[in-house]
Amino acid sequence: MTLHSILYAGTVMHRRVRPRAHRLRYRVFWMLLDLDEIESLPRRLRLFSHNRFNAVSFFDKDHGDGSGRPLRPQVEAHLKDAGIDIDGGPIRLFCMPRVFGYGFNPLSVYFCHRPDGTLAALLYEVHNTFKQRHSYLIPVNSAAGTVVEQQCRKQFYVSPFMDMDMNYTFRVGLPGDRISVAIRAADKDGLLLAAALSGERQTLTDGALTRLLSIYPLLTLKVIGAIHWHALRLVLKGFRLRPRPSPPEIPVSVVNTGG
């Protein structure tokens, strides 16, 4: 049986342009997990487990509503509420796994497909370091090609160094031999932050996981460590801290694209 779940290895970059320039870049790897395959993957991989500790693992409670319930029906419910019917088509989640029991994903992306393989919607799941999460569900035009561009208003507090009155622009290179996600955050004065990730495809095998674990040891600890290290650097540069509002009562913001 063909395995649709795969690996991507690459880099993440953030570039702050105001009020002072700041830049970070680090290497990471991700998994693109077909939600219909997650339960069967541990039977094919010794280094991967589902809802159990392993060198690499995936826990349902790290995503969705945090309850640990299977993710597919959760995503399908959000799609239904938005008037989007994928009729049983595949849903694939792009995220970093837990590595040796620890996981943190600033951004995870669900690619929601129709049965014919065309993309119906993208669900951007955003996590902050205060153990909160919020998602943006944006439908995709059926005529979209290999690159999808979308926009939405910011609804969820992520960084203590950025205001809430902002817009996001997403530019997503759909999964293939490569994947890319670029985000531009802008306020009334223009571009404030540009972030981008890109990765190259690798087959999901124990051998590939072993190589990636040797190249990116303690991956997710490195990510959360980098977030706090750069936060300290921003404080030392004189960046002003913003108060943290309560997260939206509705866990998913549905973006009406107008057609």
Protein backbone atom coordinates (compact mmCIF):
# COMPACT_ATOMS: atom_id res chain seq x y z
CA MET A 1 0.00 0.00 0.00
CA THR A 2 1.31 3.44 -0.96
CA LEU A 3 2.15 5.57 2.06
CA HIS A 4 0.94 9.16 1.80
CA SER A 5 2.60 10.34 5.03
CA ILE A 6 6.07 11.76 4.37
CA LEU A 7 8.90 13.80 5.86
CA TYR A 8 10.27 17.23 4.99
CA ALA A 9 13.60 18.66 6.13
CA GLY A 10 14.55 22.29 5.75
CA THR A 11 14.72 25.69 7.41
CA VAL A 12 12.63 28.31 9.19
CA MET A 13 13.34 32.03 8.87
CA HIS A 14 11.84 35.06 10.64
CA ARG A 15 12.66 38.67 9.74
CA ARG A 16 11.38 41.58 11.83
CA VAL A 17 11.68 44.92 10.07
CA ARG A 18 10.31 47.40 12.64
CA PRO A 19 10.96 49.12 14.99
CA ARG A 20 14.40 47.53 14.77
CA ALA A 21 15.66 44.81 12.49
CA HIS A 22 15.92 41.30 13.88
CA ARG A 23 16.40 37.99 12.11
CA LEU A 24 16.53 34.30 13.03
CA ARG A 25 17.06 31.13 11.03
CA TYR A 26 17.24 27.48 12.08
CA ARG A 27 17.03 24.01 10.56
CA VAL A 28 14.13 21.68 11.35
CA PHE A 29 12.17 18.74 10.03
CA TRP A 30 8.45 18.11 9.77
CA MET A 31 6.02 15.31 9.07
CA LEU A 32 3.11 15.47 6.64
CA LEU A 33 0.72 12.99 8.23
CA ASP A 34 -2.31 11.59 6.47
CA LEU A 35 -4.90 11.50 9.27
CA ASP A 36 -6.22 8.19 7.97
CA GLU A 37 -2.76 6.59 8.27
CA ILE A 38 -1.62 7.73 11.71
CA GLU A 39 -2.91 4.70 13.62
CA SER A 40 -1.24 2.26 11.21
CA LEU A 41 2.16 3.99 11.01
CA PRO A 42 3.57 2.41 14.22
CA ARG A 43 3.16 -1.02 12.61
CA ARG A 44 5.51 0.08 9.83
CA LEU A 45 7.97 2.17 11.87
CA ARG A 46 9.88 1.23 15.01
CA LEU A 47 10.87 4.83 15.80
CA PHE A 48 7.37 6.31 15.52
CA SER A 49 4.41 5.91 17.87
CA HIS A 50 0.89 7.30 18.04
CA ASN A 51 -0.19 8.61 21.46
CA ARG A 52 2.75 6.77 23.07
CA PHE A 53 6.33 7.73 23.89
CA ASN A 54 8.98 7.02 21.27
CA ALA A 55 11.95 8.74 19.67
CA VAL A 56 9.39 10.35 17.33
CA SER A 57 5.70 10.41 18.20
CA PHE A 58 2.41 12.09 17.43
CA PHE A 59 -0.19 12.85 20.09
CA ASP A 60 -3.71 13.85 19.06
CA LYS A 61 -4.03 16.08 22.12
CA ASP A 62 -1.22 18.31 20.83
CA HIS A 63 -3.62 19.50 18.13
CA GLY A 64 -7.29 20.27 17.58
CA ASP A 65 -9.25 20.99 20.75
CA GLY A 66 -6.61 19.34 22.94
CA SER A 67 -8.97 16.59 24.10
CA GLY A 68 -7.05 13.77 22.42
CA ARG A 69 -10.05 12.84 20.29
CA PRO A 70 -9.23 11.71 16.74
CA LEU A 71 -8.45 14.75 14.62
CA ARG A 72 -10.23 13.87 11.40
CA PRO A 73 -13.79 14.23 12.78
CA GLN A 74 -12.76 17.47 14.48
CA VAL A 75 -11.51 18.97 11.22
CA GLU A 76 -14.51 17.66 9.30
CA ALA A 77 -16.84 19.35 11.82
CA HIS A 78 -15.07 22.69 11.27
CA LEU A 79 -15.31 22.24 7.51
CA LYS A 80 -19.01 21.42 7.76
CA ASP A 81 -19.67 24.50 9.90
CA ALA A 82 -17.95 26.55 7.18
CA GLY A 83 -20.08 24.97 4.46
CA ILE A 84 -17.19 22.97 3.00
CA ASP A 85 -17.79 19.33 2.10
CA ILE A 86 -14.75 17.21 1.25
CA ASP A 87 -16.85 14.03 1.00
CA GLY A 88 -14.30 11.82 2.73
CA GLY A 89 -11.29 13.20 0.89
CA PRO A 90 -7.84 13.05 2.49
CA ILE A 91 -6.76 15.42 5.27
CA ARG A 92 -3.02 15.77 5.78
CA LEU A 93 -1.42 17.56 8.70
CA PHE A 94 1.93 19.33 8.31
CA CYS A 95 3.62 19.65 11.70
CA MET A 96 6.64 18.86 13.81
CA PRO A 97 6.30 15.63 15.81
CA ARG A 98 7.19 15.13 19.42
CA VAL A 99 10.87 14.23 19.69
CA PHE A 100 11.77 12.11 22.73
CA GLY A 101 8.47 13.09 24.32
CA TYR A 102 8.49 16.85 23.80
CA GLY A 103 6.61 18.75 21.12
CA PHE A 104 5.78 22.33 20.22
CA ASN A 105 4.39 23.64 16.95
CA PRO A 106 4.18 27.42 16.39
CA LEU A 107 2.21 26.61 13.23
CA SER A 108 0.59 23.44 11.91
CA VAL A 109 -1.28 23.29 8.61
CA TYR A 110 -4.08 20.91 7.62
CA PHE A 111 -4.41 20.32 3.88
CA CYS A 112 -8.06 19.34 3.30
CA HIS A 113 -8.65 17.63 -0.04
CA ARG A 114 -11.66 16.54 -2.05
CA PRO A 115 -11.81 12.87 -3.16
CA ASP A 116 -10.31 13.82 -6.55
CA GLY A 117 -7.24 15.23 -4.81
CA THR A 118 -8.00 18.92 -5.34
CA LEU A 119 -7.52 21.16 -2.34
CA ALA A 120 -10.74 22.42 -0.71
CA ALA A 121 -9.38 24.33 2.30
CA LEU A 122 -6.39 25.07 4.47
CA LEU A 123 -6.65 25.11 8.26
CA TYR A 124 -3.83 27.03 9.92
CA GLU A 125 -3.45 25.99 13.57
CA VAL A 126 -1.43 28.51 15.58
CA HIS A 127 0.08 27.78 18.99
CA ASN A 128 1.58 30.32 21.37
CA THR A 129 3.94 29.70 24.29
CA PHE A 130 1.12 30.25 26.80
CA LYS A 131 -0.43 26.83 25.99
CA GLN A 132 -3.15 28.38 23.87
CA ARG A 133 -4.12 27.67 20.26
CA HIS A 134 -6.38 29.07 17.60
CA SER A 135 -7.05 28.16 13.97
CA TYR A 136 -7.88 30.00 10.76
CA LEU A 137 -9.95 28.04 8.22
CA ILE A 138 -9.74 29.42 4.69
CA PRO A 139 -11.38 27.82 1.65
CA VAL A 140 -9.32 27.30 -1.49
CA ASN A 141 -10.56 28.12 -4.97
CA SER A 142 -11.00 24.95 -7.01
CA ALA A 143 -8.86 26.52 -9.75
CA ALA A 144 -5.86 27.01 -7.45
CA GLY A 145 -2.55 25.72 -8.77
CA THR A 146 0.52 24.57 -6.88
CA VAL A 147 0.78 27.83 -4.91
CA VAL A 148 -2.06 29.17 -2.75
CA GLU A 149 -2.24 32.76 -1.51
CA GLN A 150 -4.65 33.70 1.28
CA GLN A 151 -5.27 36.50 3.75
CA CYS A 152 -6.97 36.99 7.11
CA ARG A 153 -7.18 39.34 10.06
CA LYS A 154 -5.15 38.47 13.13
CA GLN A 155 -7.47 37.11 15.85
CA PHE A 156 -5.08 35.40 18.26
CA TYR A 157 -2.23 36.65 20.46
CA VAL A 158 1.03 35.00 19.49
CA SER A 159 3.97 37.24 20.32
CA PRO A 160 4.26 39.73 23.20
CA PHE A 161 6.13 42.00 20.76
CA MET A 162 3.30 42.41 18.22
CA ASP A 163 -0.05 44.20 18.37
CA MET A 164 -3.37 42.54 17.57
CA ASP A 165 -4.45 45.03 14.89
CA MET A 166 -2.75 43.26 12.01
CA ASN A 167 -3.32 41.28 8.81
CA TYR A 168 -1.71 38.00 7.75
CA THR A 169 -0.89 37.03 4.19
CA PHE A 170 -0.12 33.34 3.57
CA ARG A 171 1.65 31.99 0.52
CA VAL A 172 1.75 28.18 0.53
CA GLY A 173 3.66 26.03 -1.92
CA LEU A 174 1.64 22.82 -1.84
CA PRO A 175 3.35 19.58 -0.75
CA GLY A 176 5.30 17.80 -3.47
CA ASP A 177 9.04 17.37 -3.81
CA ARG A 178 9.17 20.59 -1.78
CA ILE A 179 6.87 22.45 0.56
CA SER A 180 6.89 26.10 1.57
CA VAL A 181 4.82 28.37 3.80
CA ALA A 182 5.47 32.11 3.84
CA ILE A 183 3.65 34.52 6.17
CA ARG A 184 3.70 38.30 6.03
CA ALA A 185 2.32 40.20 9.04
CA ALA A 186 1.41 43.82 8.39
CA ASP A 187 -0.17 46.65 10.34
CA LYS A 188 -1.44 50.06 9.23
CA ASP A 189 2.15 51.17 8.55
CA GLY A 190 3.00 48.20 6.33
CA LEU A 191 5.11 45.07 6.67
CA LEU A 192 6.19 44.26 10.22
CA LEU A 193 7.31 40.63 10.07
CA ALA A 194 8.09 38.12 7.33
CA ALA A 195 8.37 34.43 8.20
CA ALA A 196 8.99 31.49 5.91
CA LEU A 197 9.64 27.78 6.06
CA SER A 198 10.69 25.44 3.30
CA GLY A 199 11.54 21.77 3.18
CA GLU A 200 12.53 19.00 0.82
CA ARG A 201 10.65 15.72 0.71
CA GLN A 202 12.01 12.52 2.21
CA THR A 203 10.38 9.09 2.36
CA LEU A 204 9.06 8.23 5.82
CA THR A 205 11.19 5.29 6.97
CA ASP A 206 13.07 4.35 10.13
CA GLY A 207 16.31 5.04 8.27
CA ALA A 208 15.20 8.55 7.37
CA LEU A 209 14.05 9.22 10.94
CA THR A 210 17.40 8.02 12.27
CA ARG A 211 19.25 10.39 9.95
CA LEU A 212 17.05 13.33 10.84
CA LEU A 213 17.34 12.67 14.57
CA SER A 214 21.13 12.68 14.22
CA ILE A 215 21.05 15.97 12.27
CA TYR A 216 18.36 17.68 14.37
CA PRO A 217 18.74 16.22 17.89
CA LEU A 218 16.13 17.41 20.39
CA LEU A 219 14.39 19.26 17.57
CA THR A 220 11.38 20.64 19.42
CA LEU A 221 13.40 21.62 22.50
CA LYS A 222 15.65 23.59 20.14
CA VAL A 223 12.60 25.35 18.69
CA ILE A 224 11.14 26.42 22.05
CA GLY A 225 14.63 27.35 23.27
CA ALA A 226 15.18 29.54 20.20
CA ILE A 227 11.84 31.28 20.75
CA HIS A 228 12.78 32.27 24.30
CA TRP A 229 16.37 33.16 23.40
CA HIS A 230 15.24 35.52 20.66
CA ALA A 231 12.55 36.96 22.94
CA LEU A 232 15.32 37.90 25.38
CA ARG A 233 17.30 39.50 22.56
CA LEU A 234 14.25 41.55 21.54
CA VAL A 235 13.82 42.77 25.12
CA LEU A 236 17.49 43.78 25.19
CA LYS A 237 16.96 45.65 21.92
CA GLY A 238 14.24 47.67 23.62
CA PHE A 239 11.13 46.09 22.10
CA ARG A 240 7.96 47.00 24.02
CA LEU A 241 5.87 44.19 25.52
CA ARG A 242 2.16 44.07 24.67
CA PRO A 243 -0.49 42.82 27.14
CA ARG A 244 -2.00 39.41 26.39
CA PRO A 245 -5.76 39.41 25.74
CA SER A 246 -7.93 36.36 26.24
CA PRO A 247 -8.05 34.01 23.25
CA PRO A 248 -11.17 34.08 21.04
CA GLU A 249 -14.15 32.20 22.45
CA ILE A 250 -14.60 30.44 19.12
CA PRO A 251 -11.54 28.18 18.52
CA VAL A 252 -11.63 28.44 14.71
CA SER A 253 -11.94 31.65 12.70
CA VAL A 254 -13.61 30.92 9.36
CA VAL A 255 -12.42 33.35 6.71
CA ASN A 256 -15.01 34.29 4.09
CA THR A 257 -13.12 34.72 0.84
CA GLY A 258 -16.16 36.12 -0.92
CA GLY A 259 -16.45 33.43 -3.54
